[in-house]
Amino acid sequence: FPNPATGTVNIELNGLAPGESRLMLFDQLGRTMLKQSVEEGTERLSLDLSQLTIQSGDYFVRLVSGQGTTVKKLVVLRP
């Protein structure tokens, strides 16, 4: 949240399985825009989208953990 996002987006990770997890942000063409390890016990991540060289549009956030893979759509709005 928020979605659509303009600056910072928060990602809730409640119930994340123990072990190594990875968060990735992809554009519509499947290009990786961000890749980040997630520490065990993390409940929320804040991503500063202003630090990324991305444009307005639809992106996909993928979380890979011991529980499997989850993908959610994120809409980014640039001023």
Protein backbone atom coordinates (compact mmCIF):
# COMPACT_ATOMS: atom_id res chain seq x y z
CA PHE A 1 0.00 0.00 0.00
CA PRO A 2 -0.67 2.50 -1.33
CA ASN A 3 -1.53 1.15 -4.74
CA PRO A 4 -1.29 3.14 -6.99
CA ALA A 5 1.97 4.46 -5.53
CA THR A 6 3.82 7.68 -6.23
CA GLY A 7 6.76 7.63 -3.81
CA THR A 8 7.08 5.02 -1.10
CA VAL A 9 5.21 1.74 -1.16
CA ASN A 10 4.83 -0.50 1.90
CA ILE A 11 4.69 -4.27 1.56
CA GLU A 12 3.18 -6.34 4.38
CA LEU A 13 4.98 -9.65 4.92
CA ASN A 14 3.00 -11.09 7.83
CA GLY A 15 3.37 -14.86 8.17
CA LEU A 16 6.56 -15.10 6.13
CA ALA A 17 8.08 -18.58 6.38
CA PRO A 18 11.46 -18.93 8.10
CA GLY A 19 14.47 -18.99 5.80
CA GLU A 20 15.75 -16.92 2.92
CA SER A 21 13.22 -14.82 1.02
CA ARG A 22 13.63 -12.54 -1.98
CA LEU A 23 11.56 -9.61 -3.21
CA MET A 24 11.73 -8.56 -6.85
CA LEU A 25 10.09 -5.80 -8.88
CA PHE A 26 9.49 -6.43 -12.59
CA ASP A 27 8.16 -4.26 -15.40
CA GLN A 28 5.61 -5.48 -17.95
CA LEU A 29 8.38 -6.83 -20.18
CA GLY A 30 9.77 -9.00 -17.37
CA ARG A 31 12.84 -6.85 -16.76
CA THR A 32 14.04 -6.83 -13.15
CA MET A 33 13.88 -3.31 -11.73
CA LEU A 34 14.76 -4.25 -8.14
CA LYS A 35 15.99 -7.35 -6.33
CA GLN A 36 16.27 -7.45 -2.56
CA SER A 37 16.82 -10.10 0.10
CA VAL A 38 14.31 -10.16 2.94
CA GLU A 39 15.54 -10.95 6.42
CA GLU A 40 13.74 -13.56 8.45
CA GLY A 41 11.22 -11.95 10.81
CA THR A 42 10.60 -8.90 8.60
CA GLU A 43 6.94 -7.91 8.79
CA ARG A 44 6.94 -4.85 6.51
CA LEU A 45 9.20 -3.49 3.79
CA SER A 46 9.16 0.10 2.57
CA LEU A 47 10.39 0.66 -0.97
CA ASP A 48 11.32 4.19 -2.03
CA LEU A 49 10.26 4.21 -5.68
CA SER A 50 11.79 7.65 -6.22
CA GLN A 51 15.23 5.98 -5.96
CA LEU A 52 14.43 3.75 -8.95
CA THR A 53 14.62 4.82 -12.58
CA ILE A 54 11.11 3.69 -13.45
CA GLN A 55 8.26 5.42 -15.24
CA SER A 56 4.53 5.45 -14.61
CA GLY A 57 2.94 2.13 -15.38
CA ASP A 58 2.14 -1.35 -14.19
CA TYR A 59 4.77 -3.39 -12.35
CA PHE A 60 4.78 -6.72 -10.58
CA VAL A 61 6.13 -7.44 -7.11
CA ARG A 62 7.25 -11.05 -6.63
CA LEU A 63 8.02 -12.54 -3.23
CA VAL A 64 9.80 -15.90 -3.18
CA SER A 65 9.97 -17.64 0.19
CA GLY A 66 9.83 -21.10 1.74
CA GLN A 67 6.04 -20.92 1.36
CA GLY A 68 6.22 -20.46 -2.39
CA THR A 69 5.91 -17.52 -4.74
CA THR A 70 3.44 -14.64 -4.56
CA VAL A 71 3.01 -12.03 -7.30
CA LYS A 72 1.03 -8.79 -6.94
CA LYS A 73 0.45 -5.97 -9.41
CA LEU A 74 1.72 -2.50 -8.44
CA VAL A 75 0.70 0.64 -10.30
CA VAL A 76 3.29 3.44 -10.21
CA LEU A 77 2.30 7.03 -10.92
CA ARG A 78 5.04 9.56 -11.66
CA PRO A 79 4.33 13.32 -11.47
